[in-house]
Protein backbone atom coordinates (compact mmCIF):
# COMPACT_ATOMS: atom_id res chain seq x y z
CA MET A 1 -0.19 -0.10 -0.30
CA LYS A 2 1.80 3.87 -0.36
CA LYS A 3 0.18 6.56 1.32
CA ASN A 4 2.52 9.56 1.17
CA ASN A 5 4.75 7.67 -1.03
CA ILE A 6 5.39 5.37 2.04
CA THR A 7 4.96 2.18 1.42
CA TYR A 8 4.03 -0.55 4.42
CA GLU A 9 4.36 -4.53 3.63
CA PRO A 10 2.99 -6.15 6.48
CA ARG A 11 5.30 -7.92 8.79
CA PHE A 12 3.23 -10.49 10.07
CA THR A 13 1.14 -13.53 9.99
CA TRP A 14 -2.17 -13.68 10.46
CA ASN A 15 -4.71 -15.98 11.71
CA GLU A 16 -7.54 -16.30 8.76
CA ASP A 17 -11.01 -16.14 11.26
CA THR A 18 -9.11 -13.32 13.55
CA LEU A 19 -8.58 -11.53 9.59
CA THR A 20 -12.90 -12.55 8.88
CA ALA A 21 -13.84 -11.68 11.84
CA PHE A 22 -12.44 -8.31 12.38
CA ARG A 23 -13.04 -7.55 8.35
CA LEU A 24 -16.62 -9.02 9.10
CA GLU A 25 -16.78 -6.57 12.85
CA SER A 26 -15.30 -3.83 10.37
CA ASN A 27 -18.66 -4.10 8.49
CA TYR A 28 -21.43 -3.04 11.32
CA ILE A 29 -19.38 -0.88 13.79
CA SER A 30 -17.53 2.38 12.88
CA TYR A 31 -13.19 2.61 12.96
CA GLU A 32 -12.81 4.09 16.36
CA GLU A 33 -14.96 1.17 17.89
CA LEU A 34 -12.85 -1.71 16.05
CA LEU A 35 -9.58 0.38 16.69
CA ASN A 36 -10.67 0.50 20.09
CA GLU A 37 -11.82 -3.95 19.65
CA VAL A 38 -8.00 -4.36 17.41
CA GLU A 39 -6.25 -2.80 20.74
CA LYS A 40 -8.52 -5.27 23.03
CA PHE A 41 -7.69 -8.09 21.02
CA VAL A 42 -3.95 -7.17 21.02
CA GLU A 43 -3.74 -6.21 24.37
CA ASN A 44 -5.24 -9.66 25.87
CA SER A 45 -4.63 -11.98 23.44
CA CYS A 46 -0.40 -10.90 21.41
CA HIS A 47 3.24 -11.25 22.95
CA THR A 48 5.49 -9.18 21.20
CA GLU A 49 9.11 -10.60 21.18
CA ASP A 50 11.85 -8.69 19.96
CA GLY A 51 12.38 -5.02 19.30
CA GLU A 52 8.10 -5.74 17.94
CA THR A 53 6.34 -3.16 20.45
CA GLU A 54 1.79 -3.41 20.45
CA GLU A 55 1.86 -0.33 18.07
CA ASP A 56 3.67 -2.55 15.60
CA LEU A 57 1.21 -5.48 16.53
CA ILE A 58 -1.84 -2.93 16.37
CA ARG A 59 -0.59 -0.48 13.04
CA ASP A 60 -0.22 -3.47 11.10
CA LEU A 61 -4.06 -5.92 11.65
CA LEU A 62 -5.38 -2.52 11.15
CA TYR A 63 -3.86 -3.11 7.54
CA GLN A 64 -4.19 -6.94 7.07
CA ILE A 65 -8.69 -5.57 8.04
CA PHE A 66 -8.82 -3.36 5.27
CA ASN A 67 -6.49 -3.93 2.36
CA TYR A 68 -7.22 -8.15 1.30
CA ASP A 69 -7.83 -9.52 -1.41
């Protein structure tokens, strides 16, 4: 995805069921509500590794929710 001349490539592999659930949910709630849900999911269900932050995971998950074939 190119935005403001910056290219972003997904860094993480997410469970397809997780992506599907958030994609479905995104059709029924606002972006702010979805962001809140993604933040809670990452905080409660994900573990960061060396050099990763929860913000990295949130950004990547949101990208993959909204950018797919």
